[in-house]
Amino acid sequence: MAITEGDYSYVDTEYDVSPESALTEVRIDADNAWNGVQLKFGRVAARVGEDEEFAELSFHFEVTNQDPHNTEELENDTDFQHYVGDLLTHIISTAFDKGDYRIGGDDNTDDNPAESSS
């Protein structure tokens, strides 16, 4: 199943507006069983294989808008995990294609708000 930009949207959280801890959640808008589910990504890492043709993506995510039982069920569902991986891959690929290397709607381009003292 190919992911498109219409299959998701960014939902900026309203409960924490400080730039240092700004979070962006992703809402699934696709016409599938997970429509309306929101999630946020934690650690994301890529490891290039020995053939250097493909990279393996590892990530952590958390479902944020479901009751605890549904959240646990979704986070342990292999099909959902694969879908979320495809979604994340699309988000990263689209960012590189567009040259817009951030996720979400935050216009802050200062990667480190603290000044370096070196």
C-alpha atoms as a PDB file:
ATOM      1  CA  MET A   1       0.000   0.000   0.000  1.00  0.00           C
ATOM      2  CA  ALA A   2       1.620   3.224  -1.159  1.00  0.00           C
ATOM      3  CA  ILE A   3       1.470   6.193   1.189  1.00  0.00           C
ATOM      4  CA  THR A   4       0.668   9.659  -0.172  1.00  0.00           C
ATOM      5  CA  GLU A   5       0.724  13.100   1.455  1.00  0.00           C
ATOM      6  CA  GLY A   6      -3.074  12.946   1.629  1.00  0.00           C
ATOM      7  CA  ASP A   7      -2.876   9.928   3.949  1.00  0.00           C
ATOM      8  CA  TYR A   8      -1.676  11.944   6.941  1.00  0.00           C
ATOM      9  CA  SER A   9      -1.529  15.414   8.398  1.00  0.00           C
ATOM     10  CA  TYR A  10       0.430  17.131  11.145  1.00  0.00           C
ATOM     11  CA  VAL A  11      -1.286  18.051  14.377  1.00  0.00           C
ATOM     12  CA  ASP A  12       0.714  20.481  16.479  1.00  0.00           C
ATOM     13  CA  THR A  13       0.010  19.982  20.146  1.00  0.00           C
ATOM     14  CA  GLU A  14      -1.553  22.895  21.958  1.00  0.00           C
ATOM     15  CA  TYR A  15      -0.554  21.913  25.475  1.00  0.00           C
ATOM     16  CA  ASP A  16       3.150  22.759  25.141  1.00  0.00           C
ATOM     17  CA  VAL A  17       4.078  25.730  22.995  1.00  0.00           C
ATOM     18  CA  SER A  18       7.693  26.234  24.086  1.00  0.00           C
ATOM     19  CA  PRO A  19      10.108  25.901  21.133  1.00  0.00           C
ATOM     20  CA  GLU A  20      12.487  23.765  23.177  1.00  0.00           C
ATOM     21  CA  SER A  21       9.919  21.005  23.587  1.00  0.00           C
ATOM     22  CA  ALA A  22       7.615  21.577  20.647  1.00  0.00           C
ATOM     23  CA  LEU A  23       5.988  18.342  19.547  1.00  0.00           C
ATOM     24  CA  THR A  24       4.201  17.469  16.376  1.00  0.00           C
ATOM     25  CA  GLU A  25       1.823  14.587  16.126  1.00  0.00           C
ATOM     26  CA  VAL A  26       0.812  12.836  12.934  1.00  0.00           C
ATOM     27  CA  ARG A  27      -2.843  12.012  12.280  1.00  0.00           C
ATOM     28  CA  ILE A  28      -3.718   9.207   9.891  1.00  0.00           C
ATOM     29  CA  ASP A  29      -6.188  10.587   7.337  1.00  0.00           C
ATOM     30  CA  ALA A  30      -6.121   7.592   4.969  1.00  0.00           C
ATOM     31  CA  ASP A  31      -9.293   5.680   4.233  1.00  0.00           C
ATOM     32  CA  ASN A  32      -8.317   2.638   6.276  1.00  0.00           C
ATOM     33  CA  ALA A  33      -8.959   1.007   9.659  1.00  0.00           C
ATOM     34  CA  TRP A  34      -6.626   3.483  11.379  1.00  0.00           C
ATOM     35  CA  ASN A  35      -8.241   6.698  10.111  1.00  0.00           C
ATOM     36  CA  GLY A  36      -8.123   9.341  12.840  1.00  0.00           C
ATOM     37  CA  VAL A  37      -5.413   7.689  14.922  1.00  0.00           C
ATOM     38  CA  GLN A  38      -2.787  10.180  16.082  1.00  0.00           C
ATOM     39  CA  LEU A  39       0.763   9.276  16.994  1.00  0.00           C
ATOM     40  CA  LYS A  40       4.083  10.813  17.777  1.00  0.00           C
ATOM     41  CA  PHE A  41       7.502   9.465  16.945  1.00  0.00           C
ATOM     42  CA  GLY A  42      10.330   9.137  19.416  1.00  0.00           C
ATOM     43  CA  ARG A  43      13.773   7.916  18.511  1.00  0.00           C
ATOM     44  CA  VAL A  44      14.336   7.330  14.807  1.00  0.00           C
ATOM     45  CA  ALA A  45      17.491   5.696  13.458  1.00  0.00           C
ATOM     46  CA  ALA A  46      18.631   4.362  10.083  1.00  0.00           C
ATOM     47  CA  ARG A  47      21.300   1.763   9.503  1.00  0.00           C
ATOM     48  CA  VAL A  48      22.739   1.227   6.032  1.00  0.00           C
ATOM     49  CA  GLY A  49      23.252  -2.409   5.120  1.00  0.00           C
ATOM     50  CA  GLU A  50      26.469  -3.866   3.801  1.00  0.00           C
ATOM     51  CA  ASP A  51      25.257  -3.588   0.220  1.00  0.00           C
ATOM     52  CA  GLU A  52      24.547   0.137   0.871  1.00  0.00           C
ATOM     53  CA  GLU A  53      21.544  -0.041  -1.429  1.00  0.00           C
ATOM     54  CA  PHE A  54      18.941  -0.038   1.325  1.00  0.00           C
ATOM     55  CA  ALA A  55      18.758   1.296   4.851  1.00  0.00           C
ATOM     56  CA  GLU A  56      16.940  -0.281   7.754  1.00  0.00           C
ATOM     57  CA  LEU A  57      14.766   2.157   9.668  1.00  0.00           C
ATOM     58  CA  SER A  58      14.111   1.667  13.364  1.00  0.00           C
ATOM     59  CA  PHE A  59      11.821   3.908  15.337  1.00  0.00           C
ATOM     60  CA  HIS A  60       9.674   4.259  18.401  1.00  0.00           C
ATOM     61  CA  PHE A  61       6.166   5.651  18.272  1.00  0.00           C
ATOM     62  CA  GLU A  62       3.318   6.275  20.676  1.00  0.00           C
ATOM     63  CA  VAL A  63      -0.398   6.400  19.867  1.00  0.00           C
ATOM     64  CA  THR A  64      -1.727   9.527  21.567  1.00  0.00           C
ATOM     65  CA  ASN A  65      -5.487   9.786  21.081  1.00  0.00           C
ATOM     66  CA  GLN A  66      -6.925   6.367  21.882  1.00  0.00           C
ATOM     67  CA  ASP A  67      -8.057   4.792  25.138  1.00  0.00           C
ATOM     68  CA  PRO A  68      -5.355   2.707  26.865  1.00  0.00           C
ATOM     69  CA  HIS A  69      -6.710  -0.652  25.673  1.00  0.00           C
ATOM     70  CA  ASN A  70      -6.855   0.457  22.014  1.00  0.00           C
ATOM     71  CA  THR A  71      -3.451   2.129  22.317  1.00  0.00           C
ATOM     72  CA  GLU A  72      -1.811  -1.070  23.540  1.00  0.00           C
ATOM     73  CA  GLU A  73      -3.580  -3.124  20.877  1.00  0.00           C
ATOM     74  CA  LEU A  74      -2.488  -0.768  18.083  1.00  0.00           C
ATOM     75  CA  GLU A  75       1.106  -0.456  19.282  1.00  0.00           C
ATOM     76  CA  ASN A  76       1.397  -4.267  19.318  1.00  0.00           C
ATOM     77  CA  ASP A  77      -0.354  -4.816  15.960  1.00  0.00           C
ATOM     78  CA  THR A  78       2.240  -5.907  13.377  1.00  0.00           C
ATOM     79  CA  ASP A  79       0.178  -4.583  10.442  1.00  0.00           C
ATOM     80  CA  PHE A  80      -0.120  -1.191  12.144  1.00  0.00           C
ATOM     81  CA  GLN A  81       3.606  -1.153  12.919  1.00  0.00           C
ATOM     82  CA  HIS A  82       4.403  -1.791   9.236  1.00  0.00           C
ATOM     83  CA  TYR A  83       1.945   0.914   8.159  1.00  0.00           C
ATOM     84  CA  VAL A  84       3.498   3.407  10.591  1.00  0.00           C
ATOM     85  CA  GLY A  85       6.953   2.469   9.238  1.00  0.00           C
ATOM     86  CA  ASP A  86       5.763   3.110   5.685  1.00  0.00           C
ATOM     87  CA  LEU A  87       4.249   6.396   6.839  1.00  0.00           C
ATOM     88  CA  LEU A  88       7.505   7.482   8.490  1.00  0.00           C
ATOM     89  CA  THR A  89       9.492   6.460   5.405  1.00  0.00           C
ATOM     90  CA  HIS A  90       7.177   8.606   3.262  1.00  0.00           C
ATOM     91  CA  ILE A  91       7.518  11.564   5.636  1.00  0.00           C
ATOM     92  CA  ILE A  92      11.325  11.362   5.547  1.00  0.00           C
ATOM     93  CA  SER A  93      11.496  10.853   1.761  1.00  0.00           C
ATOM     94  CA  THR A  94       9.128  13.757   1.163  1.00  0.00           C
ATOM     95  CA  ALA A  95      11.197  16.001   3.434  1.00  0.00           C
ATOM     96  CA  PHE A  96      14.346  15.235   1.430  1.00  0.00           C
ATOM     97  CA  ASP A  97      12.543  15.609  -1.903  1.00  0.00           C
ATOM     98  CA  LYS A  98      11.208  19.033  -0.898  1.00  0.00           C
ATOM     99  CA  GLY A  99      14.350  20.155   0.915  1.00  0.00           C
ATOM    100  CA  ASP A 100      12.243  20.825   4.031  1.00  0.00           C
ATOM    101  CA  TYR A 101      14.030  18.872   6.737  1.00  0.00           C
ATOM    102  CA  ARG A 102      11.595  19.244   9.597  1.00  0.00           C
ATOM    103  CA  ILE A 103       8.408  17.496  10.526  1.00  0.00           C
ATOM    104  CA  GLY A 104       5.294  19.465  11.330  1.00  0.00           C
ATOM    105  CA  GLY A 105       4.319  23.079  11.148  1.00  0.00           C
ATOM    106  CA  ASP A 106       6.912  24.689  13.402  1.00  0.00           C
ATOM    107  CA  ASP A 107       8.652  27.497  11.520  1.00  0.00           C
ATOM    108  CA  ASN A 108      11.480  27.692  14.055  1.00  0.00           C
ATOM    109  CA  THR A 109      14.701  26.926  12.167  1.00  0.00           C
ATOM    110  CA  ASP A 110      17.004  27.386  15.164  1.00  0.00           C
ATOM    111  CA  ASP A 111      18.133  23.838  15.951  1.00  0.00           C
ATOM    112  CA  ASN A 112      19.720  24.841  19.241  1.00  0.00           C
ATOM    113  CA  PRO A 113      18.154  27.732  21.128  1.00  0.00           C
ATOM    114  CA  ALA A 114      21.093  27.872  23.568  1.00  0.00           C
ATOM    115  CA  GLU A 115      24.165  29.728  22.383  1.00  0.00           C
ATOM    116  CA  SER A 116      27.360  27.741  22.289  1.00  0.00           C
ATOM    117  CA  SER A 117      30.127  29.024  24.525  1.00  0.00           C
ATOM    118  CA  SER A 118      33.012  27.579  22.510  1.00  0.00           C
END
